[in-house]
Amino acid sequence: MNTDAIKQMMRFHKDYHYKPVWDGTESSLKEIEDYRRELSIPKHKTYIMPAGDTRPELIKMYPLVFELCAEHGYNMSGRDHIIAFDTERAV
């Protein structure tokens, strides 16, 4: 990650959002939270997306991400393109 460039963009664009993908593991959550803190990103600008490259994988992850967001004060962002088109590309 080019953290310096990200910080510069955050200074220039005040209406940014941090949208990491969470795979359901504690180590991934720690990485997401550590980076959020490093960049001083408020939780209200953080949208957690579920990991998964297929519709079935995402459907399994959605409840976990909803629970995580409710528990930790993040927002949740879906991955509607995968729900709609599954593994189809260039649609």
Protein backbone atom coordinates (compact mmCIF):
# COMPACT_ATOMS: atom_id res chain seq x y z
CA MET A 1 0.00 0.00 0.00
CA ASN A 2 1.21 3.45 -0.80
CA THR A 3 0.29 5.05 2.54
CA ASP A 4 1.86 8.41 1.70
CA ALA A 5 -0.28 8.72 -1.44
CA ILE A 6 -3.38 7.64 0.49
CA LYS A 7 -2.74 10.27 3.17
CA GLN A 8 -2.27 12.92 0.49
CA MET A 9 -5.57 11.94 -1.17
CA MET A 10 -7.35 12.05 2.20
CA ARG A 11 -6.11 15.61 2.75
CA PHE A 12 -7.25 16.65 -0.71
CA HIS A 13 -10.60 14.80 -0.70
CA LYS A 14 -12.38 15.28 2.62
CA ASP A 15 -15.33 13.09 1.56
CA TYR A 16 -13.41 9.79 1.41
CA HIS A 17 -14.36 6.33 2.65
CA TYR A 18 -12.20 3.46 3.85
CA LYS A 19 -13.60 0.21 2.43
CA PRO A 20 -11.53 -2.82 3.39
CA VAL A 21 -12.59 -6.40 2.69
CA TRP A 22 -12.82 -8.59 5.81
CA ASP A 23 -12.29 -12.35 5.51
CA GLY A 24 -13.75 -13.20 8.92
CA THR A 25 -10.44 -13.67 10.74
CA GLU A 26 -9.15 -11.86 13.80
CA SER A 27 -5.81 -11.21 12.08
CA SER A 28 -7.54 -9.48 9.16
CA LEU A 29 -9.68 -7.42 11.53
CA LYS A 30 -6.54 -6.36 13.42
CA GLU A 31 -4.89 -5.32 10.15
CA ILE A 32 -7.98 -3.31 9.14
CA GLU A 33 -8.21 -1.59 12.52
CA ASP A 34 -4.46 -0.92 12.80
CA TYR A 35 -4.44 0.75 9.38
CA ARG A 36 -7.59 2.74 10.20
CA ARG A 37 -5.92 4.04 13.35
CA GLU A 38 -2.60 4.72 11.59
CA LEU A 39 -4.44 6.96 9.12
CA SER A 40 -6.76 8.44 11.77
CA ILE A 41 -9.83 7.37 9.79
CA PRO A 42 -13.04 7.81 11.79
CA LYS A 43 -15.23 4.74 12.17
CA HIS A 44 -18.12 6.54 10.47
CA LYS A 45 -15.98 6.68 7.30
CA THR A 46 -15.19 2.95 7.50
CA TYR A 47 -17.28 0.53 5.42
CA ILE A 48 -16.42 -3.14 5.86
CA MET A 49 -17.04 -5.37 2.83
CA PRO A 50 -17.40 -9.16 3.05
CA ALA A 51 -14.74 -11.32 1.44
CA GLY A 52 -15.77 -13.68 -1.32
CA ASP A 53 -15.43 -14.03 -5.06
CA THR A 54 -18.69 -15.95 -5.55
CA ARG A 55 -22.30 -15.44 -4.54
CA PRO A 56 -22.31 -18.44 -2.12
CA GLU A 57 -19.13 -17.21 -0.39
CA LEU A 58 -20.62 -13.73 0.06
CA ILE A 59 -23.94 -15.03 1.36
CA LYS A 60 -22.02 -16.95 4.02
CA MET A 61 -20.03 -13.82 5.00
CA TYR A 62 -22.85 -11.24 5.06
CA PRO A 63 -24.20 -12.14 8.55
CA LEU A 64 -20.67 -12.13 10.00
CA VAL A 65 -19.96 -8.66 8.58
CA PHE A 66 -23.31 -7.28 9.78
CA GLU A 67 -22.54 -8.56 13.30
CA LEU A 68 -18.99 -7.19 13.22
CA CYS A 69 -20.18 -3.76 12.11
CA ALA A 70 -22.89 -3.62 14.78
CA GLU A 71 -20.42 -4.69 17.46
CA HIS A 72 -17.55 -2.37 16.46
CA GLY A 73 -19.36 0.68 15.10
CA TYR A 74 -18.39 0.34 11.45
CA ASN A 75 -20.66 0.66 8.43
CA MET A 76 -21.28 -2.28 6.12
CA SER A 77 -20.96 -2.22 2.36
CA GLY A 78 -22.16 -5.07 0.22
CA ARG A 79 -20.63 -6.33 -2.96
CA ASP A 80 -23.70 -6.09 -5.13
CA HIS A 81 -21.89 -6.78 -8.41
CA ILE A 82 -20.97 -10.26 -7.18
CA ILE A 83 -24.46 -10.91 -5.78
CA ALA A 84 -25.97 -9.83 -9.11
CA PHE A 85 -23.53 -11.45 -11.54
CA ASP A 86 -21.69 -14.05 -9.42
CA THR A 87 -18.43 -14.89 -11.23
CA GLU A 88 -19.41 -13.35 -14.57
CA ARG A 89 -16.99 -10.60 -15.64
CA ALA A 90 -17.19 -7.61 -17.96
CA VAL A 91 -20.95 -7.21 -17.57
